[in-house]
Amino acid sequence: MSVDYREKVLTDASGFVLLADYVPSVIQEIRYYSSYNFIGERIDGYEEPCALLTREAARALKNAAGELNAQGYRIKVFDAYRPACAVRHFVLWGIEDLDLRMKPYFYPDLEKQELFIRGYIAKQSSHSRGSAIDLTLLDMKTGLEVDMGGPFDYFSELSHPDYRGISEEQFENRMFLQKVMVRNGFRPYECEWWHFMLDNEPYPDTYFEFPVSTKVLKGI
């Protein structure tokens, strides 16, 4: 199996910004910079634990964050722009790597190849186009994440936004987040309650390859 990138792949980061510059209240837990992810090691291309987005997506998220802040919530981001090389890391792990150490935590009921077949891992990711984001909410009163009925990157029907095998409160929390994001120009993904993509993304046919790093924005 090979990875076929027929769309444009660019290394130009000039249309991207540091999310924290647009949303100072954002909390960042960039999972693919750490070893706490479904592979169990830092992912290729993640040189700093920071969220980068296209300028357009950052502006839209700023509006969503303002609405959420007014209601007592802060945005917590797990992933934003994802380099194309990181996606290749995922694909090669799925094809060749026999390491299953994180299976009990992220995909206990599925085999690796099912993660691609069922749409949990894409061979080409909208994240690499720079206008997709994975996030949840933090309650400013309690300082805790809002209970969404399941964790980030848990590959199961449990993670589908419309899954009803959770409590009514957990389902309402998912719908609250989804409504705010949709109202501010994002669309949800049917397999993941945490994933949203800008409707009018500026680079619909372009995948980017530069690393997740503040240096690329400064031209260093």
N, C-alpha and C. Protein backbone atom coordinates (compact mmCIF):
# COMPACT_ATOMS: atom_id res chain seq x y z
N MET A 1 0.85 -1.19 0.00
CA MET A 1 0.00 0.00 0.00
C MET A 1 0.88 1.24 0.00
N SER A 2 0.56 2.22 -0.81
CA SER A 2 1.36 3.43 -0.88
C SER A 2 0.50 4.65 -0.59
N VAL A 3 1.16 5.74 -0.24
CA VAL A 3 0.47 6.99 0.03
C VAL A 3 0.57 7.86 -1.21
N ASP A 4 -0.55 8.24 -1.78
CA ASP A 4 -0.57 8.98 -3.04
C ASP A 4 -1.04 10.41 -2.78
N TYR A 5 -0.14 11.38 -2.89
CA TYR A 5 -0.49 12.78 -2.72
C TYR A 5 -0.58 13.45 -4.08
N ARG A 6 -1.77 13.46 -4.66
CA ARG A 6 -1.94 14.07 -5.97
C ARG A 6 -2.24 15.57 -5.85
N GLU A 7 -2.76 15.98 -4.72
CA GLU A 7 -2.99 17.40 -4.51
C GLU A 7 -1.66 18.08 -4.23
N LYS A 8 -1.69 19.39 -4.22
CA LYS A 8 -0.48 20.16 -3.98
C LYS A 8 0.02 19.96 -2.54
N VAL A 9 1.31 19.83 -2.40
CA VAL A 9 1.95 19.77 -1.08
C VAL A 9 2.95 20.91 -1.02
N LEU A 10 2.75 21.85 -0.09
CA LEU A 10 3.59 23.04 -0.02
C LEU A 10 4.28 23.15 1.34
N THR A 11 5.38 23.90 1.34
CA THR A 11 6.11 24.15 2.58
C THR A 11 6.00 25.60 3.02
N ASP A 12 5.17 26.38 2.36
CA ASP A 12 5.01 27.80 2.64
C ASP A 12 4.03 28.01 3.79
N ALA A 13 4.52 28.58 4.88
CA ALA A 13 3.69 28.80 6.07
C ALA A 13 3.17 30.23 6.18
N SER A 14 3.26 30.99 5.12
CA SER A 14 2.92 32.42 5.21
C SER A 14 1.45 32.68 5.51
N GLY A 15 0.58 31.73 5.21
CA GLY A 15 -0.85 31.93 5.49
C GLY A 15 -1.28 31.42 6.85
N PHE A 16 -0.31 31.02 7.68
CA PHE A 16 -0.61 30.42 8.98
C PHE A 16 -0.24 31.35 10.12
N VAL A 17 -0.90 31.11 11.27
CA VAL A 17 -0.64 31.91 12.46
C VAL A 17 -0.58 31.00 13.68
N LEU A 18 -0.04 31.55 14.75
CA LEU A 18 -0.04 30.86 16.04
C LEU A 18 -1.40 31.09 16.69
N LEU A 19 -2.11 30.03 16.98
CA LEU A 19 -3.47 30.16 17.51
C LEU A 19 -3.51 31.00 18.79
N ALA A 20 -2.52 30.84 19.65
CA ALA A 20 -2.50 31.57 20.92
C ALA A 20 -2.45 33.08 20.72
N ASP A 21 -1.96 33.53 19.57
CA ASP A 21 -1.95 34.97 19.30
C ASP A 21 -3.35 35.50 19.02
N TYR A 22 -4.22 34.64 18.54
CA TYR A 22 -5.60 35.03 18.23
C TYR A 22 -6.55 34.70 19.39
N VAL A 23 -6.26 33.62 20.11
CA VAL A 23 -7.10 33.20 21.24
C VAL A 23 -6.19 33.02 22.45
N PRO A 24 -5.87 34.12 23.14
CA PRO A 24 -4.94 34.05 24.28
C PRO A 24 -5.42 33.13 25.40
N SER A 25 -6.72 32.91 25.49
CA SER A 25 -7.26 32.08 26.57
C SER A 25 -7.18 30.58 26.26
N VAL A 26 -6.72 30.22 25.07
CA VAL A 26 -6.72 28.82 24.68
C VAL A 26 -5.78 27.99 25.56
N ILE A 27 -6.22 26.78 25.87
CA ILE A 27 -5.40 25.80 26.58
C ILE A 27 -4.93 24.79 25.54
N GLN A 28 -3.65 24.45 25.59
CA GLN A 28 -3.10 23.57 24.57
C GLN A 28 -2.51 22.30 25.19
N GLU A 29 -2.98 21.19 24.70
CA GLU A 29 -2.41 19.88 25.07
C GLU A 29 -2.18 19.14 23.76
N ILE A 30 -1.11 19.47 23.09
CA ILE A 30 -0.84 18.95 21.75
C ILE A 30 -0.36 17.51 21.87
N ARG A 31 -1.27 16.59 21.70
CA ARG A 31 -1.01 15.18 21.99
C ARG A 31 0.06 14.57 21.10
N TYR A 32 0.16 15.01 19.86
CA TYR A 32 1.11 14.37 18.96
C TYR A 32 2.54 14.87 19.17
N TYR A 33 2.71 15.87 20.01
CA TYR A 33 4.05 16.27 20.43
C TYR A 33 4.53 15.37 21.56
N SER A 34 3.58 14.78 22.28
CA SER A 34 3.89 13.93 23.43
C SER A 34 3.88 12.46 23.02
N SER A 35 4.07 11.59 23.98
CA SER A 35 3.97 10.15 23.71
C SER A 35 2.60 9.61 24.09
N TYR A 36 1.73 10.49 24.62
CA TYR A 36 0.38 10.04 25.00
C TYR A 36 -0.56 10.22 23.82
N ASN A 37 -0.47 9.31 22.89
CA ASN A 37 -1.34 9.28 21.71
C ASN A 37 -1.47 7.84 21.25
N PHE A 38 -2.24 7.59 20.22
CA PHE A 38 -2.56 6.21 19.85
C PHE A 38 -1.36 5.43 19.33
N ILE A 39 -0.27 6.11 18.96
CA ILE A 39 0.95 5.40 18.54
C ILE A 39 1.88 5.18 19.73
N GLY A 40 1.97 6.16 20.62
CA GLY A 40 2.79 6.00 21.82
C GLY A 40 4.14 6.66 21.74
N GLU A 41 4.32 7.58 20.76
CA GLU A 41 5.58 8.31 20.62
C GLU A 41 5.29 9.64 19.94
N ARG A 42 6.26 10.56 20.02
CA ARG A 42 6.07 11.84 19.34
C ARG A 42 5.97 11.60 17.84
N ILE A 43 5.05 12.31 17.21
CA ILE A 43 4.77 12.11 15.80
C ILE A 43 5.66 13.02 14.95
N ASP A 44 6.07 12.51 13.80
CA ASP A 44 6.94 13.27 12.89
C ASP A 44 6.34 14.64 12.58
N GLY A 45 7.19 15.65 12.62
CA GLY A 45 6.76 17.00 12.25
C GLY A 45 6.33 17.87 13.42
N TYR A 46 6.18 17.30 14.59
CA TYR A 46 5.77 18.08 15.77
C TYR A 46 7.02 18.48 16.56
N GLU A 47 7.50 19.69 16.28
CA GLU A 47 8.74 20.16 16.91
C GLU A 47 8.49 21.00 18.15
N GLU A 48 7.29 21.53 18.29
CA GLU A 48 6.91 22.30 19.48
C GLU A 48 5.46 21.98 19.83
N PRO A 49 5.09 22.07 21.12
CA PRO A 49 3.71 21.80 21.52
C PRO A 49 2.82 23.03 21.36
N CYS A 50 2.60 23.42 20.12
CA CYS A 50 1.80 24.62 19.85
C CYS A 50 0.82 24.34 18.72
N ALA A 51 -0.25 25.13 18.70
CA ALA A 51 -1.28 24.98 17.67
C ALA A 51 -1.12 26.05 16.60
N LEU A 52 -1.00 25.62 15.36
CA LEU A 52 -0.96 26.52 14.22
C LEU A 52 -2.23 26.31 13.40
N LEU A 53 -2.72 27.40 12.81
CA LEU A 53 -3.90 27.33 11.95
C LEU A 53 -3.77 28.35 10.83
N THR A 54 -4.56 28.17 9.78
CA THR A 54 -4.63 29.24 8.79
C THR A 54 -5.21 30.47 9.46
N ARG A 55 -4.88 31.62 8.94
CA ARG A 55 -5.37 32.88 9.51
C ARG A 55 -6.91 32.91 9.56
N GLU A 56 -7.53 32.40 8.51
CA GLU A 56 -8.99 32.40 8.45
C GLU A 56 -9.61 31.52 9.53
N ALA A 57 -9.04 30.34 9.74
CA ALA A 57 -9.56 29.44 10.77
C ALA A 57 -9.34 30.02 12.17
N ALA A 58 -8.19 30.66 12.38
CA ALA A 58 -7.90 31.27 13.68
C ALA A 58 -8.89 32.40 14.00
N ARG A 59 -9.23 33.18 12.99
CA ARG A 59 -10.19 34.26 13.19
C ARG A 59 -11.57 33.71 13.57
N ALA A 60 -11.97 32.65 12.87
CA ALA A 60 -13.27 32.05 13.17
C ALA A 60 -13.28 31.43 14.57
N LEU A 61 -12.15 30.81 14.95
CA LEU A 61 -12.08 30.21 16.27
C LEU A 61 -12.04 31.28 17.36
N LYS A 62 -11.46 32.42 17.05
CA LYS A 62 -11.48 33.54 18.00
C LYS A 62 -12.91 33.94 18.31
N ASN A 63 -13.77 33.98 17.30
CA ASN A 63 -15.17 34.33 17.51
C ASN A 63 -15.87 33.27 18.36
N ALA A 64 -15.59 31.99 18.07
CA ALA A 64 -16.18 30.91 18.86
C ALA A 64 -15.72 30.98 20.30
N ALA A 65 -14.42 31.24 20.50
CA ALA A 65 -13.88 31.33 21.85
C ALA A 65 -14.50 32.47 22.63
N GLY A 66 -14.75 33.59 21.96
CA GLY A 66 -15.38 34.72 22.63
C GLY A 66 -16.77 34.37 23.11
N GLU A 67 -17.52 33.67 22.28
CA GLU A 67 -18.87 33.24 22.65
C GLU A 67 -18.82 32.26 23.83
N LEU A 68 -17.88 31.34 23.78
CA LEU A 68 -17.75 30.35 24.85
C LEU A 68 -17.26 30.97 26.15
N ASN A 69 -16.30 31.90 26.06
CA ASN A 69 -15.80 32.58 27.25
C ASN A 69 -16.92 33.29 27.99
N ALA A 70 -17.82 33.92 27.23
CA ALA A 70 -18.94 34.65 27.82
C ALA A 70 -19.88 33.72 28.59
N GLN A 71 -19.83 32.43 28.26
CA GLN A 71 -20.69 31.45 28.93
C GLN A 71 -19.93 30.61 29.95
N GLY A 72 -18.66 31.00 30.20
CA GLY A 72 -17.90 30.34 31.27
C GLY A 72 -17.01 29.20 30.83
N TYR A 73 -16.66 29.16 29.54
CA TYR A 73 -15.83 28.06 29.04
C TYR A 73 -14.60 28.58 28.31
N ARG A 74 -13.56 27.76 28.33
CA ARG A 74 -12.37 28.01 27.53
C ARG A 74 -12.17 26.84 26.58
N ILE A 75 -11.56 27.11 25.46
CA ILE A 75 -11.25 26.08 24.48
C ILE A 75 -9.95 25.37 24.86
N LYS A 76 -9.98 24.06 24.77
CA LYS A 76 -8.77 23.27 24.97
C LYS A 76 -8.48 22.52 23.67
N VAL A 77 -7.30 22.71 23.12
CA VAL A 77 -6.94 22.16 21.81
C VAL A 77 -5.99 20.97 21.95
N PHE A 78 -6.32 19.91 21.23
CA PHE A 78 -5.46 18.72 21.18
C PHE A 78 -4.61 18.68 19.92
N ASP A 79 -5.14 19.22 18.83
CA ASP A 79 -4.39 19.24 17.58
C ASP A 79 -5.01 20.28 16.66
N ALA A 80 -4.18 20.85 15.79
CA ALA A 80 -4.66 21.83 14.81
C ALA A 80 -4.01 21.47 13.47
N TYR A 81 -3.17 22.36 12.93
CA TYR A 81 -2.44 22.01 11.71
C TYR A 81 -1.58 20.77 11.96
N ARG A 82 -1.62 19.84 11.02
CA ARG A 82 -0.87 18.58 11.11
C ARG A 82 -0.06 18.40 9.83
N PRO A 83 1.26 18.38 9.90
CA PRO A 83 2.07 18.24 8.68
C PRO A 83 1.75 16.95 7.93
N ALA A 84 1.91 16.98 6.62
CA ALA A 84 1.68 15.78 5.81
C ALA A 84 2.58 14.63 6.24
N CYS A 85 3.77 14.95 6.72
CA CYS A 85 4.69 13.89 7.17
C CYS A 85 4.15 13.18 8.40
N ALA A 86 3.36 13.87 9.23
CA ALA A 86 2.75 13.25 10.40
C ALA A 86 1.70 12.22 9.96
N VAL A 87 0.96 12.57 8.92
CA VAL A 87 -0.04 11.64 8.39
C VAL A 87 0.65 10.40 7.82
N ARG A 88 1.76 10.60 7.15
CA ARG A 88 2.51 9.45 6.63
C ARG A 88 3.00 8.57 7.78
N HIS A 89 3.38 9.20 8.89
CA HIS A 89 3.78 8.46 10.08
C HIS A 89 2.62 7.56 10.54
N PHE A 90 1.41 8.10 10.57
CA PHE A 90 0.24 7.32 10.95
C PHE A 90 0.05 6.13 10.00
N VAL A 91 0.14 6.40 8.71
CA VAL A 91 -0.13 5.37 7.70
C VAL A 91 0.91 4.25 7.77
N LEU A 92 2.17 4.62 7.87
CA LEU A 92 3.22 3.60 7.94
C LEU A 92 3.11 2.78 9.21
N TRP A 93 2.73 3.43 10.29
CA TRP A 93 2.48 2.69 11.55
C TRP A 93 1.36 1.68 11.36
N GLY A 94 0.32 2.08 10.67
CA GLY A 94 -0.81 1.20 10.45
C GLY A 94 -0.48 0.02 9.56
N ILE A 95 0.45 0.21 8.62
CA ILE A 95 0.79 -0.84 7.66
C ILE A 95 1.88 -1.77 8.19
N GLU A 96 2.94 -1.17 8.76
CA GLU A 96 4.16 -1.94 9.03
C GLU A 96 4.46 -2.20 10.50
N ASP A 97 4.05 -1.30 11.37
CA ASP A 97 4.47 -1.38 12.76
C ASP A 97 3.61 -2.39 13.52
N LEU A 98 4.25 -3.32 14.22
CA LEU A 98 3.54 -4.33 15.00
C LEU A 98 3.28 -3.89 16.43
N ASP A 99 3.71 -2.70 16.78
CA ASP A 99 3.57 -2.19 18.14
C ASP A 99 2.10 -1.90 18.46
N LEU A 100 1.58 -2.56 19.48
CA LEU A 100 0.18 -2.38 19.89
C LEU A 100 0.07 -1.85 21.32
N ARG A 101 1.12 -1.18 21.80
CA ARG A 101 1.15 -0.81 23.21
C ARG A 101 0.02 0.13 23.63
N MET A 102 -0.47 0.95 22.70
CA MET A 102 -1.52 1.90 23.07
C MET A 102 -2.93 1.40 22.72
N LYS A 103 -3.03 0.20 22.21
CA LYS A 103 -4.32 -0.37 21.84
C LYS A 103 -5.33 -0.36 22.99
N PRO A 104 -4.96 -0.75 24.22
CA PRO A 104 -5.96 -0.77 25.30
C PRO A 104 -6.56 0.60 25.61
N TYR A 105 -5.83 1.66 25.28
CA TYR A 105 -6.27 3.00 25.65
C TYR A 105 -7.02 3.74 24.53
N PHE A 106 -6.72 3.43 23.28
CA PHE A 106 -7.27 4.21 22.18
C PHE A 106 -8.11 3.41 21.17
N TYR A 107 -7.85 2.12 21.02
CA TYR A 107 -8.63 1.33 20.06
C TYR A 107 -8.77 -0.12 20.55
N PRO A 108 -9.31 -0.31 21.75
CA PRO A 108 -9.36 -1.65 22.35
C PRO A 108 -10.18 -2.67 21.58
N ASP A 109 -11.17 -2.22 20.82
CA ASP A 109 -12.07 -3.15 20.14
C ASP A 109 -11.83 -3.26 18.64
N LEU A 110 -10.78 -2.61 18.14
CA LEU A 110 -10.52 -2.60 16.70
C LEU A 110 -9.09 -3.03 16.39
N GLU A 111 -8.91 -3.57 15.19
CA GLU A 111 -7.57 -3.86 14.69
C GLU A 111 -7.07 -2.63 13.93
N LYS A 112 -5.78 -2.55 13.74
CA LYS A 112 -5.20 -1.35 13.12
C LYS A 112 -5.84 -0.98 11.79
N GLN A 113 -5.98 -1.96 10.90
CA GLN A 113 -6.50 -1.65 9.57
C GLN A 113 -7.93 -1.12 9.63
N GLU A 114 -8.67 -1.51 10.66
CA GLU A 114 -10.03 -1.00 10.81
C GLU A 114 -10.05 0.49 11.10
N LEU A 115 -8.99 1.02 11.67
CA LEU A 115 -8.93 2.45 11.98
C LEU A 115 -9.02 3.28 10.71
N PHE A 116 -8.45 2.78 9.62
CA PHE A 116 -8.52 3.47 8.33
C PHE A 116 -9.85 3.20 7.64
N ILE A 117 -10.28 1.94 7.67
CA ILE A 117 -11.53 1.55 7.00
C ILE A 117 -12.72 2.29 7.58
N ARG A 118 -12.72 2.49 8.88
CA ARG A 118 -13.86 3.12 9.56
C ARG A 118 -13.76 4.65 9.62
N GLY A 119 -12.68 5.21 9.09
CA GLY A 119 -12.57 6.65 9.00
C GLY A 119 -11.98 7.35 10.20
N TYR A 120 -11.40 6.60 11.14
CA TYR A 120 -10.82 7.24 12.32
C TYR A 120 -9.45 7.84 12.01
N ILE A 121 -8.73 7.23 11.07
CA ILE A 121 -7.46 7.78 10.63
C ILE A 121 -7.52 7.91 9.11
N ALA A 122 -7.18 9.10 8.61
CA ALA A 122 -7.25 9.35 7.17
C ALA A 122 -5.87 9.26 6.54
N LYS A 123 -5.80 8.75 5.32
CA LYS A 123 -4.52 8.69 4.61
C LYS A 123 -4.14 10.06 4.06
N GLN A 124 -5.11 10.94 3.97
CA GLN A 124 -4.88 12.36 3.72
C GLN A 124 -5.80 13.11 4.67
N SER A 125 -5.24 13.97 5.47
CA SER A 125 -6.01 14.59 6.55
C SER A 125 -6.36 16.04 6.27
N SER A 126 -7.58 16.42 6.63
CA SER A 126 -7.97 17.83 6.53
C SER A 126 -7.10 18.71 7.42
N HIS A 127 -6.53 18.13 8.46
CA HIS A 127 -5.63 18.89 9.33
C HIS A 127 -4.43 19.43 8.56
N SER A 128 -3.99 18.69 7.55
CA SER A 128 -2.82 19.11 6.78
C SER A 128 -3.13 20.28 5.85
N ARG A 129 -4.39 20.61 5.69
CA ARG A 129 -4.77 21.79 4.91
C ARG A 129 -4.83 23.02 5.81
N GLY A 130 -4.71 22.82 7.12
CA GLY A 130 -4.52 23.93 8.04
C GLY A 130 -5.73 24.57 8.65
N SER A 131 -6.93 24.08 8.32
CA SER A 131 -8.14 24.73 8.85
C SER A 131 -9.02 23.78 9.65
N ALA A 132 -8.45 22.68 10.14
CA ALA A 132 -9.18 21.74 10.98
C ALA A 132 -8.58 21.77 12.38
N ILE A 133 -9.43 21.49 13.36
CA ILE A 133 -8.97 21.54 14.74
C ILE A 133 -9.67 20.49 15.58
N ASP A 134 -8.94 19.92 16.54
CA ASP A 134 -9.49 18.97 17.50
C ASP A 134 -9.51 19.66 18.86
N LEU A 135 -10.68 19.71 19.48
CA LEU A 135 -10.78 20.47 20.73
C LEU A 135 -11.88 19.97 21.64
N THR A 136 -11.86 20.47 22.86
CA THR A 136 -12.92 20.26 23.82
C THR A 136 -13.09 21.55 24.62
N LEU A 137 -13.90 21.48 25.67
CA LEU A 137 -14.16 22.66 26.49
C LEU A 137 -13.67 22.45 27.91
N LEU A 138 -13.23 23.54 28.52
CA LEU A 138 -12.86 23.53 29.93
C LEU A 138 -13.81 24.47 30.67
N ASP A 139 -14.39 23.97 31.75
CA ASP A 139 -15.31 24.77 32.58
C ASP A 139 -14.49 25.67 33.49
N MET A 140 -14.64 26.97 33.33
CA MET A 140 -13.82 27.91 34.12
C MET A 140 -14.18 27.90 35.60
N LYS A 141 -15.38 27.45 35.95
CA LYS A 141 -15.77 27.37 37.37
C LYS A 141 -15.06 26.23 38.08
N THR A 142 -14.98 25.09 37.43
CA THR A 142 -14.40 23.91 38.07
C THR A 142 -12.94 23.69 37.70
N GLY A 143 -12.51 24.27 36.57
CA GLY A 143 -11.16 24.04 36.09
C GLY A 143 -10.98 22.68 35.45
N LEU A 144 -12.10 22.00 35.17
CA LEU A 144 -12.06 20.66 34.60
C LEU A 144 -12.61 20.65 33.19
N GLU A 145 -12.20 19.64 32.43
CA GLU A 145 -12.79 19.46 31.10
C GLU A 145 -14.27 19.14 31.23
N VAL A 146 -15.04 19.63 30.31
CA VAL A 146 -16.46 19.30 30.26
C VAL A 146 -16.59 17.83 29.86
N ASP A 147 -17.50 17.13 30.50
CA ASP A 147 -17.68 15.70 30.25
C ASP A 147 -18.39 15.47 28.93
N MET A 148 -17.64 14.95 27.95
CA MET A 148 -18.19 14.69 26.62
C MET A 148 -18.54 13.22 26.42
N GLY A 149 -18.42 12.43 27.46
CA GLY A 149 -18.81 11.03 27.37
C GLY A 149 -17.77 10.11 26.77
N GLY A 150 -16.60 10.63 26.47
CA GLY A 150 -15.53 9.82 25.91
C GLY A 150 -14.32 10.70 25.64
N PRO A 151 -13.12 10.13 25.66
CA PRO A 151 -11.89 10.91 25.50
C PRO A 151 -11.52 11.19 24.05
N PHE A 152 -10.62 12.12 23.87
CA PHE A 152 -10.06 12.45 22.56
C PHE A 152 -9.33 11.26 21.97
N ASP A 153 -9.49 11.06 20.66
CA ASP A 153 -8.81 10.02 19.90
C ASP A 153 -9.16 8.60 20.35
N TYR A 154 -10.35 8.43 20.92
CA TYR A 154 -10.81 7.09 21.25
C TYR A 154 -11.56 6.57 20.04
N PHE A 155 -11.01 5.55 19.40
CA PHE A 155 -11.54 5.08 18.12
C PHE A 155 -12.64 4.05 18.34
N SER A 156 -13.86 4.56 18.33
CA SER A 156 -15.03 3.74 18.64
C SER A 156 -16.28 4.51 18.28
N GLU A 157 -17.41 3.82 18.15
CA GLU A 157 -18.68 4.50 17.93
C GLU A 157 -19.00 5.45 19.07
N LEU A 158 -18.43 5.19 20.24
CA LEU A 158 -18.60 6.07 21.38
C LEU A 158 -18.23 7.51 21.05
N SER A 159 -17.29 7.69 20.12
CA SER A 159 -16.80 9.02 19.78
C SER A 159 -17.63 9.73 18.71
N HIS A 160 -18.56 9.02 18.09
CA HIS A 160 -19.42 9.66 17.10
C HIS A 160 -20.27 10.72 17.79
N PRO A 161 -20.34 11.92 17.25
CA PRO A 161 -21.09 13.00 17.91
C PRO A 161 -22.53 12.65 18.24
N ASP A 162 -23.17 11.85 17.39
CA ASP A 162 -24.58 11.52 17.59
C ASP A 162 -24.80 10.22 18.37
N TYR A 163 -23.75 9.67 18.95
CA TYR A 163 -23.87 8.43 19.73
C TYR A 163 -24.74 8.66 20.95
N ARG A 164 -25.74 7.81 21.14
CA ARG A 164 -26.69 8.03 22.24
C ARG A 164 -26.50 7.08 23.42
N GLY A 165 -25.44 6.29 23.40
CA GLY A 165 -25.19 5.39 24.52
C GLY A 165 -24.45 6.07 25.66
N ILE A 166 -24.62 7.36 25.79
CA ILE A 166 -24.02 8.14 26.87
C ILE A 166 -25.14 8.86 27.61
N SER A 167 -24.81 9.56 28.68
CA SER A 167 -25.85 10.24 29.44
C SER A 167 -26.41 11.43 28.66
N GLU A 168 -27.58 11.87 29.04
CA GLU A 168 -28.20 13.00 28.37
C GLU A 168 -27.34 14.25 28.53
N GLU A 169 -26.74 14.42 29.69
CA GLU A 169 -25.87 15.58 29.93
C GLU A 169 -24.65 15.54 29.02
N GLN A 170 -24.04 14.38 28.89
CA GLN A 170 -22.86 14.24 28.03
C GLN A 170 -23.22 14.54 26.58
N PHE A 171 -24.37 14.04 26.14
CA PHE A 171 -24.81 14.29 24.77
C PHE A 171 -25.09 15.78 24.56
N GLU A 172 -25.72 16.42 25.53
CA GLU A 172 -26.01 17.85 25.44
C GLU A 172 -24.72 18.66 25.39
N ASN A 173 -23.69 18.21 26.12
CA ASN A 173 -22.41 18.91 26.08
C ASN A 173 -21.80 18.85 24.68
N ARG A 174 -21.90 17.69 24.04
CA ARG A 174 -21.40 17.56 22.67
C ARG A 174 -22.16 18.49 21.72
N MET A 175 -23.48 18.51 21.87
CA MET A 175 -24.30 19.32 20.99
C MET A 175 -24.07 20.82 21.23
N PHE A 176 -23.81 21.19 22.47
CA PHE A 176 -23.51 22.59 22.78
C PHE A 176 -22.25 23.03 22.07
N LEU A 177 -21.19 22.23 22.19
CA LEU A 177 -19.93 22.54 21.51
C LEU A 177 -20.15 22.59 20.00
N GLN A 178 -20.87 21.62 19.47
CA GLN A 178 -21.09 21.56 18.03
C GLN A 178 -21.86 22.79 17.52
N LYS A 179 -22.88 23.20 18.25
CA LYS A 179 -23.69 24.34 17.81
C LYS A 179 -22.87 25.63 17.79
N VAL A 180 -22.04 25.82 18.79
CA VAL A 180 -21.21 27.02 18.83
C VAL A 180 -20.22 27.02 17.67
N MET A 181 -19.61 25.89 17.42
CA MET A 181 -18.63 25.81 16.34
C MET A 181 -19.30 26.01 14.97
N VAL A 182 -20.44 25.39 14.76
CA VAL A 182 -21.16 25.55 13.50
C VAL A 182 -21.60 26.99 13.31
N ARG A 183 -22.06 27.61 14.37
CA ARG A 183 -22.50 29.01 14.31
C ARG A 183 -21.35 29.93 13.90
N ASN A 184 -20.13 29.51 14.16
CA ASN A 184 -18.97 30.34 13.86
C ASN A 184 -18.18 29.86 12.65
N GLY A 185 -18.84 29.09 11.80
CA GLY A 185 -18.24 28.78 10.51
C GLY A 185 -17.55 27.45 10.35
N PHE A 186 -17.69 26.56 11.34
CA PHE A 186 -17.05 25.25 11.25
C PHE A 186 -18.10 24.17 11.00
N ARG A 187 -17.64 23.04 10.48
CA ARG A 187 -18.54 21.90 10.34
C ARG A 187 -17.96 20.71 11.09
N PRO A 188 -18.84 19.88 11.66
CA PRO A 188 -18.38 18.73 12.45
C PRO A 188 -18.02 17.54 11.57
N TYR A 189 -17.45 16.52 12.20
CA TYR A 189 -17.09 15.29 11.51
C TYR A 189 -17.87 14.15 12.16
N GLU A 190 -18.44 13.28 11.35
CA GLU A 190 -19.37 12.28 11.85
C GLU A 190 -18.76 11.24 12.77
N CYS A 191 -17.44 11.05 12.74
CA CYS A 191 -16.79 10.01 13.55
C CYS A 191 -16.18 10.52 14.85
N GLU A 192 -16.04 11.86 14.99
CA GLU A 192 -15.30 12.40 16.13
C GLU A 192 -15.99 13.65 16.68
N TRP A 193 -16.41 13.60 17.92
CA TRP A 193 -17.10 14.75 18.51
C TRP A 193 -16.17 15.95 18.65
N TRP A 194 -14.87 15.75 18.65
CA TRP A 194 -13.89 16.82 18.91
C TRP A 194 -13.38 17.51 17.64
N HIS A 195 -13.69 16.98 16.47
CA HIS A 195 -13.09 17.46 15.22
C HIS A 195 -14.01 18.41 14.47
N PHE A 196 -13.45 19.57 14.09
CA PHE A 196 -14.20 20.57 13.33
C PHE A 196 -13.31 21.15 12.24
N MET A 197 -13.92 21.47 11.11
CA MET A 197 -13.17 22.05 10.00
C MET A 197 -13.88 23.30 9.49
N LEU A 198 -13.10 24.31 9.17
CA LEU A 198 -13.65 25.56 8.66
C LEU A 198 -14.38 25.30 7.35
N ASP A 199 -15.61 25.79 7.26
CA ASP A 199 -16.42 25.57 6.05
C ASP A 199 -15.76 26.14 4.80
N ASN A 200 -15.36 27.38 4.88
CA ASN A 200 -14.74 28.03 3.73
C ASN A 200 -13.22 28.03 3.89
N GLU A 201 -12.64 26.85 3.89
CA GLU A 201 -11.19 26.75 4.12
C GLU A 201 -10.44 27.38 2.94
N PRO A 202 -9.36 28.09 3.22
CA PRO A 202 -8.65 28.81 2.16
C PRO A 202 -7.81 27.93 1.25
N TYR A 203 -7.47 26.71 1.70
CA TYR A 203 -6.61 25.83 0.89
C TYR A 203 -7.27 24.46 0.75
N PRO A 204 -8.39 24.38 0.05
CA PRO A 204 -9.14 23.12 -0.03
C PRO A 204 -8.42 21.99 -0.76
N ASP A 205 -7.43 22.31 -1.59
CA ASP A 205 -6.74 21.28 -2.37
C ASP A 205 -5.24 21.25 -2.08
N THR A 206 -4.83 21.86 -0.98
CA THR A 206 -3.40 21.96 -0.68
C THR A 206 -3.08 21.33 0.67
N TYR A 207 -2.06 20.49 0.69
CA TYR A 207 -1.59 19.86 1.92
C TYR A 207 -0.20 20.42 2.22
N PHE A 208 0.03 20.75 3.49
CA PHE A 208 1.27 21.43 3.86
C PHE A 208 2.22 20.49 4.60
N GLU A 209 3.52 20.79 4.45
CA GLU A 209 4.56 19.89 4.94
C GLU A 209 5.47 20.51 5.99
N PHE A 210 5.37 21.80 6.25
CA PHE A 210 6.28 22.42 7.21
C PHE A 210 5.99 21.92 8.64
N PRO A 211 6.97 21.96 9.54
CA PRO A 211 6.78 21.41 10.89
C PRO A 211 5.90 22.30 11.77
N VAL A 212 5.37 21.70 12.83
CA VAL A 212 4.64 22.45 13.85
C VAL A 212 5.68 23.11 14.73
N SER A 213 5.89 24.39 14.50
CA SER A 213 6.94 25.13 15.18
C SER A 213 6.71 26.62 15.01
N THR A 214 7.01 27.40 16.03
CA THR A 214 6.88 28.84 15.92
C THR A 214 7.94 29.40 14.97
N LYS A 215 9.01 28.68 14.78
CA LYS A 215 10.10 29.16 13.92
C LYS A 215 9.65 29.37 12.48
N VAL A 216 8.75 28.50 12.00
CA VAL A 216 8.33 28.61 10.60
C VAL A 216 7.52 29.88 10.37
N LEU A 217 6.89 30.39 11.42
CA LEU A 217 6.11 31.62 11.30
C LEU A 217 6.99 32.85 11.35
N LYS A 218 8.17 32.69 11.95
CA LYS A 218 9.11 33.81 12.05
C LYS A 218 10.14 33.80 10.94
N GLY A 219 10.09 32.78 10.11
CA GLY A 219 11.02 32.67 8.99
C GLY A 219 12.43 32.31 9.42
N ILE A 220 12.56 31.67 10.55
CA ILE A 220 13.90 31.29 11.05
C ILE A 220 14.38 30.01 10.33
